[in-house]
Protein backbone atom coordinates (compact mmCIF):
# COMPACT_ATOMS: atom_id res chain seq x y z
CA MET A 1 154.29 189.24 159.72
CA SER A 2 156.68 186.53 158.59
CA GLN A 3 155.58 182.98 157.78
CA GLN A 4 157.51 181.82 160.84
CA ALA A 5 155.48 184.20 163.00
CA PHE A 6 152.21 182.77 161.68
CA LEU A 7 153.45 179.27 162.55
CA TYR A 8 154.27 180.37 166.09
CA HIS A 9 150.93 182.12 166.37
CA SER A 10 149.20 178.75 165.98
CA LYS A 11 151.40 177.45 168.78
CA VAL A 12 150.10 180.24 171.01
CA HIS A 13 146.54 179.05 170.33
CA ASP A 14 147.56 175.49 171.17
CA LEU A 15 149.10 176.67 174.44
CA PHE A 16 146.03 178.72 175.37
CA ASN A 17 143.59 175.87 174.62
CA ASN A 18 145.73 173.39 176.54
CA ILE A 19 145.64 175.56 179.66
CA GLN A 20 141.89 176.08 179.33
CA LYS A 21 141.35 172.33 179.68
CA VAL A 22 142.19 172.79 183.35
CA MET A 23 141.56 176.48 184.08
CA ILE A 24 137.82 176.89 183.64
CA GLY A 25 136.68 180.48 183.04
CA LYS A 26 140.14 182.02 183.36
CA GLU A 27 140.58 183.21 179.78
CA GLU A 28 141.90 186.67 180.66
CA VAL A 29 144.44 185.61 183.27
CA THR A 30 145.59 182.79 180.95
CA THR A 31 146.10 185.22 178.08
CA LEU A 32 147.97 187.69 180.28
CA SER A 33 150.21 184.92 181.63
CA ILE A 34 151.13 183.98 178.05
CA VAL A 35 151.77 187.67 177.33
CA ALA A 36 154.30 187.78 180.19
CA LEU A 37 155.87 184.52 179.05
CA LEU A 38 156.38 185.77 175.49
CA ALA A 39 157.59 189.18 176.69
CA GLN A 40 160.23 187.46 178.85
CA GLY A 41 158.70 188.98 181.97
CA HIS A 42 157.39 187.53 185.22
CA VAL A 43 153.98 187.38 186.91
CA LEU A 44 152.80 187.99 190.46
CA LEU A 45 149.49 186.24 191.22
CA GLU A 46 147.77 187.72 194.26
CA ASP A 47 144.48 186.28 195.44
CA VAL A 48 142.77 184.31 198.18
CA PRO A 49 143.54 180.58 198.65
CA GLY A 50 141.84 177.98 196.50
CA VAL A 51 141.12 179.96 193.34
CA GLY A 52 143.69 178.17 191.17
CA LYS A 53 146.90 180.22 191.38
CA THR A 54 149.20 177.22 191.76
CA MET A 55 147.14 175.15 189.31
CA LEU A 56 147.60 177.79 186.61
CA VAL A 57 151.38 177.67 186.96
CA ARG A 58 151.45 173.86 186.98
CA THR A 59 149.28 173.68 183.85
CA LEU A 60 151.41 176.24 182.03
CA SER A 61 154.60 174.40 182.93
CA LYS A 62 153.22 171.05 181.73
CA SER A 63 152.09 172.65 178.47
CA VAL A 64 155.65 173.74 177.64
CA ASP A 65 158.40 171.14 177.40
CA CYS A 66 160.74 172.94 179.81
CA GLU A 67 162.20 172.19 183.23
CA PHE A 68 159.72 173.11 185.96
CA THR A 69 160.81 173.85 189.52
CA ARG A 70 158.87 174.90 192.59
CA ILE A 71 159.96 176.91 195.62
CA GLN A 72 157.66 176.69 198.64
CA PHE A 73 158.60 179.81 200.56
CA THR A 74 158.62 179.52 204.35
CA PRO A 75 160.05 181.79 207.09
CA ASP A 76 163.08 179.51 207.60
CA LEU A 77 164.05 179.30 203.91
CA LEU A 78 167.60 180.47 203.18
CA PRO A 79 168.91 182.20 200.03
CA SER A 80 171.05 179.13 199.30
CA ASP A 81 167.84 177.04 199.21
CA VAL A 82 166.82 179.15 196.22
CA THR A 83 170.09 179.74 194.36
CA GLY A 84 171.97 176.55 195.22
CA VAL A 85 175.07 175.83 197.27
CA SER A 86 178.65 174.61 196.83
CA ILE A 87 179.35 171.31 198.61
CA TYR A 88 182.81 169.88 199.20
CA ASN A 89 183.48 166.58 197.43
CA PRO A 90 186.21 164.76 199.41
CA LYS A 91 186.77 162.30 196.54
CA GLU A 92 187.57 165.03 194.05
CA MET A 93 188.96 167.31 196.77
CA GLN A 94 187.04 170.29 195.42
CA PHE A 95 183.73 172.08 195.84
CA GLU A 96 180.84 171.15 193.55
CA PHE A 97 177.94 173.46 192.83
CA ARG A 98 174.50 171.99 193.48
CA PRO A 99 171.99 174.17 191.62
CA GLY A 100 168.89 175.41 193.40
CA PRO A 101 165.33 175.55 192.02
CA ILE A 102 165.89 178.98 190.49
CA LEU A 103 168.01 177.25 187.83
CA GLY A 104 164.85 175.89 186.17
CA ASN A 105 163.03 177.27 183.13
CA ILE A 106 159.58 177.82 184.63
CA VAL A 107 159.73 178.56 188.35
CA LEU A 108 156.78 178.60 190.74
CA ALA A 109 157.54 180.85 193.71
CA ASP A 110 154.70 179.79 195.99
CA GLU A 111 153.68 182.22 198.76
CA ILE A 112 156.63 184.51 198.19
CA ASN A 113 155.56 186.79 201.03
CA ARG A 114 156.06 183.97 203.57
CA THR A 115 159.84 184.23 203.53
CA SER A 116 162.34 186.84 204.73
CA PRO A 117 163.41 189.80 202.57
CA LYS A 118 166.90 188.33 202.33
CA THR A 119 165.57 185.16 200.69
CA GLN A 120 163.14 187.14 198.54
CA SER A 121 166.03 189.19 197.16
CA SER A 122 167.85 186.03 196.04
CA LEU A 123 164.93 185.30 193.70
CA LEU A 124 164.45 188.90 192.62
CA GLU A 125 168.12 189.21 191.64
CA GLY A 126 167.73 186.38 189.16
CA MET A 127 164.49 187.85 187.78
CA GLU A 128 166.12 191.19 187.05
CA GLU A 129 169.71 190.30 186.18
CA GLY A 130 169.30 186.86 184.56
CA ASN A 131 171.93 185.41 186.87
CA VAL A 132 172.55 184.68 190.54
CA THR A 133 175.61 185.00 192.75
CA VAL A 134 176.71 181.93 194.69
CA ASP A 135 179.84 182.01 196.86
CA GLY A 136 181.09 185.01 194.92
CA ASN A 137 180.60 183.33 191.54
CA THR A 138 178.05 184.41 188.93
CA VAL A 139 175.81 181.64 187.63
CA GLU A 140 173.83 182.30 184.44
CA LEU A 141 170.20 181.26 184.49
CA LYS A 142 168.69 179.02 181.84
CA ARG A 143 166.76 180.25 178.86
CA PRO A 144 163.85 180.60 178.78
CA PHE A 145 163.42 181.77 182.38
CA PHE A 146 159.95 182.56 183.68
CA VAL A 147 158.81 183.11 187.27
CA MET A 148 155.23 183.03 188.49
CA ALA A 149 154.98 184.02 192.14
CA THR A 150 151.89 183.71 194.31
CA GLN A 151 150.90 185.49 197.49
CA ASN A 152 147.88 185.60 199.77
CA PRO A 153 146.60 189.16 200.36
CA ILE A 154 144.38 188.42 203.38
CA GLU A 155 146.85 186.95 205.87
CA TYR A 156 149.63 189.27 207.01
CA GLU A 157 150.65 187.64 210.28
CA GLY A 158 154.10 186.11 209.88
CA THR A 159 154.52 187.46 206.34
CA TYR A 160 157.02 189.78 204.69
CA PRO A 161 155.25 191.85 202.01
CA LEU A 162 157.36 192.61 198.97
CA PRO A 163 158.69 196.19 199.07
CA GLU A 164 157.25 198.50 196.44
CA ALA A 165 160.75 199.00 195.03
CA GLN A 166 160.96 195.27 194.28
CA LEU A 167 157.42 194.73 193.02
CA ASP A 168 158.35 196.21 189.66
CA ARG A 169 160.51 193.15 188.94
CA PHE A 170 157.20 191.60 187.92
CA LEU A 171 155.94 192.51 184.47
CA LEU A 172 152.31 191.90 185.46
CA LYS A 173 150.37 191.67 188.70
CA LEU A 174 147.20 189.59 188.28
CA ASN A 175 144.20 188.46 190.31
CA MET A 176 142.38 185.19 189.68
CA GLY A 177 138.95 186.03 191.10
CA TYR A 178 136.14 183.66 192.00
CA PRO A 179 134.46 181.63 189.23
CA THR A 180 130.84 182.13 188.32
CA ALA A 181 128.28 179.55 189.46
CA GLN A 182 128.19 178.07 185.94
CA GLU A 183 131.98 177.86 185.76
CA GLU A 184 132.19 176.26 189.19
CA MET A 185 129.55 173.71 188.18
CA LYS A 186 131.64 172.79 185.13
CA MET A 187 134.72 172.63 187.35
CA LEU A 188 133.08 170.13 189.69
CA GLY A 189 132.19 167.99 186.70
CA ILE A 190 135.71 167.73 185.29
CA VAL A 191 137.36 166.96 188.65
CA SER A 192 134.80 164.33 189.71
CA GLY A 193 137.08 161.67 188.20
CA GLU A 194 140.78 162.01 187.48
CA HIS A 195 141.98 165.59 187.68
CA PRO A 196 142.60 167.01 184.16
CA ILE A 197 146.05 168.28 185.18
CA HIS A 198 147.30 164.68 185.01
CA SER A 199 146.40 164.35 181.31
CA VAL A 200 147.95 167.63 180.18
CA GLU A 201 150.75 167.12 177.66
CA ALA A 202 153.28 169.57 176.24
CA VAL A 203 152.20 171.40 173.09
CA MET A 204 155.30 173.58 172.75
CA THR A 205 158.99 172.77 172.88
CA GLN A 206 161.67 174.83 174.55
CA ASP A 207 163.11 175.95 171.21
CA GLU A 208 159.66 176.95 169.95
CA LEU A 209 159.13 179.10 173.04
CA ILE A 210 162.48 180.82 172.53
CA GLY A 211 161.54 181.40 168.90
CA LEU A 212 158.25 182.96 169.99
CA GLN A 213 160.05 185.32 172.33
CA GLU A 214 162.42 186.38 169.57
CA GLU A 215 159.52 187.03 167.18
CA VAL A 216 157.83 189.22 169.80
CA GLN A 217 160.92 191.42 169.96
CA ASN A 218 160.48 192.18 166.25
CA VAL A 219 156.97 193.61 166.68
CA TYR A 220 156.93 197.23 165.51
CA VAL A 221 156.18 200.06 167.96
CA ASP A 222 155.50 203.40 166.29
CA GLU A 223 156.97 206.60 167.71
CA HIS A 224 153.46 207.88 168.52
CA ILE A 225 152.77 204.74 170.55
CA ARG A 226 156.03 205.18 172.47
CA ARG A 227 155.09 208.80 173.15
CA TYR A 228 151.68 207.66 174.39
CA ILE A 229 153.37 205.28 176.85
CA ILE A 230 155.70 208.02 178.07
CA ASN A 231 152.85 210.51 178.51
CA LEU A 232 150.88 207.98 180.53
CA VAL A 233 153.82 207.13 182.77
CA THR A 234 154.76 210.80 183.19
CA GLU A 235 151.26 211.58 184.46
CA THR A 236 151.78 209.14 187.34
CA ARG A 237 154.85 211.11 188.45
CA HIS A 238 153.04 214.45 188.68
CA HIS A 239 149.57 213.43 189.89
CA HIS A 240 148.66 214.99 193.25
CA SER A 241 147.44 211.62 194.59
CA VAL A 242 150.72 209.81 193.88
CA TYR A 243 153.58 209.63 196.37
CA LEU A 244 155.92 207.71 194.03
CA GLY A 245 155.29 207.47 190.30
CA VAL A 246 156.17 204.80 187.76
CA SER A 247 159.86 204.48 186.90
CA PRO A 248 161.31 204.12 183.37
CA ARG A 249 161.34 200.37 183.99
CA GLY A 250 157.55 200.59 183.97
CA SER A 251 157.40 202.26 180.56
CA ILE A 252 159.75 199.60 179.15
CA ALA A 253 157.59 196.87 180.67
CA LEU A 254 154.42 198.35 179.18
CA MET A 255 156.00 198.45 175.73
CA LYS A 256 157.27 194.86 175.99
CA ALA A 257 153.87 193.59 177.15
CA SER A 258 152.09 195.50 174.37
CA LYS A 259 154.35 193.89 171.76
CA ALA A 260 153.52 190.44 173.12
CA MET A 261 149.78 191.20 173.14
CA SER A 262 149.96 192.38 169.54
CA PHE A 263 151.74 189.20 168.51
CA ILE A 264 149.12 187.02 170.22
CA GLN A 265 146.41 188.84 168.28
CA GLY A 266 148.17 188.17 164.99
CA ARG A 267 149.68 191.62 164.38
CA ASP A 268 153.27 192.70 163.94
CA TYR A 269 152.60 196.24 165.16
CA VAL A 270 151.28 197.71 168.42
CA LEU A 271 147.97 199.57 168.65
CA PRO A 272 147.00 202.14 171.31
CA ASP A 273 144.33 199.69 172.47
CA ASP A 274 147.05 197.21 173.43
CA VAL A 275 148.68 199.81 175.66
CA LYS A 276 145.38 200.94 177.15
CA TYR A 277 144.26 197.40 177.97
CA LEU A 278 147.55 196.35 179.58
CA ALA A 279 148.30 199.55 181.51
CA PRO A 280 146.36 198.60 184.71
CA PHE A 281 148.09 195.19 184.89
CA VAL A 282 151.57 196.59 184.19
CA LEU A 283 151.55 199.91 186.06
CA SER A 284 149.27 199.53 189.09
CA HIS A 285 151.85 197.79 191.28
CA ARG A 286 154.63 200.19 190.28
CA LEU A 287 153.37 203.32 192.01
CA ILE A 288 152.59 204.38 195.57
CA LEU A 289 149.57 206.49 196.47
CA SER A 290 149.72 209.31 198.98
CA SER A 291 148.22 208.77 202.44
CA GLU A 292 145.38 211.16 201.63
CA ALA A 293 144.45 209.24 198.48
CA LYS A 294 144.42 205.93 200.34
CA PHE A 295 142.23 207.46 203.06
CA GLU A 296 139.77 208.61 200.41
CA GLY A 297 139.52 205.04 199.11
CA MET A 298 141.47 205.46 195.89
CA THR A 299 143.35 202.46 194.53
CA THR A 300 146.27 202.32 192.13
CA ALA A 301 144.08 200.56 189.56
CA SER A 302 141.40 203.28 189.72
CA LEU A 303 144.09 205.92 189.32
CA ILE A 304 145.47 204.25 186.19
CA HIS A 305 141.96 204.10 184.70
CA GLU A 306 141.55 207.80 185.49
CA LEU A 307 144.79 208.65 183.72
CA LEU A 308 143.83 206.52 180.72
CA GLU A 309 140.79 208.77 180.27
CA LYS A 310 142.93 211.87 180.64
CA VAL A 311 145.89 211.11 178.35
CA SER A 312 145.19 211.62 174.66
CA ILE A 313 145.29 208.53 172.47
CA PRO A 314 147.43 208.87 169.32
CA VAL A 315 145.27 208.89 166.20
CA HIS A 316 146.68 208.67 162.67
CA ARG A 317 145.26 211.37 160.45
CA GLU A 318 145.53 211.02 156.68
CA LYS A 319 146.62 214.08 154.74
């Protein structure tokens, strides 16, 4: 790994420790969020209210010196409220574009399942294409561009769940989970005075983040590792319990996430363990189980774990 990569690796540690000042006991979800950030992907946080989904995004945004925007999705939100709108300026006698919140660097899409599919698609277009269309004109998004969306899985009345075909715009789907009693006790102690989110300062500049993302792209992925990813994804397409398997976008996402995980761990090459660890977070939301499998209580995560045991791991054998 280059000297520049080692320098950026220390920045990753600084970013992780900065987030942990606020997010008590959330080491795994913090690490995975940084993985998505470095892999230039996006994250969907799905969990019950009050476990820190929004706080995680706010802490991450304050830790990086980038423009942070927030979209509070509601049923009456319009696509133009996300992308922006052209307003006529009578003084200049021409239309002026007023950018929407999607034109930020780090975007919090809060309760994305509360708004209509039409408004959801305006966000998802930008996540996939890197640009949005406003009044027939293409507007390029800023770099870096990172979306963390949240949704509540227990309330479905008045919501619009994301279609399975659009869920794969997210590199990772994560759950926060409840803290342990010890973690919650520590949490009560640090918020008894001023909330620690107010004292969080940036530990990484925008240029440093872009440099990190470029370094991640240079991480080496051996042909055997790529074959392992393909074999794993192919199994989801032929399993008898799967109605719709993982698309090629899923195999690309798993490779990109594995490269970012390797970089975080100080390596410039991907190991099979990186792929195996990330597979449930990257692939579970990209497939649809059959009705029979759902009736039997199978979940997409349990299926991925089953396939991980089935697919052979590449092992280098010395001559």
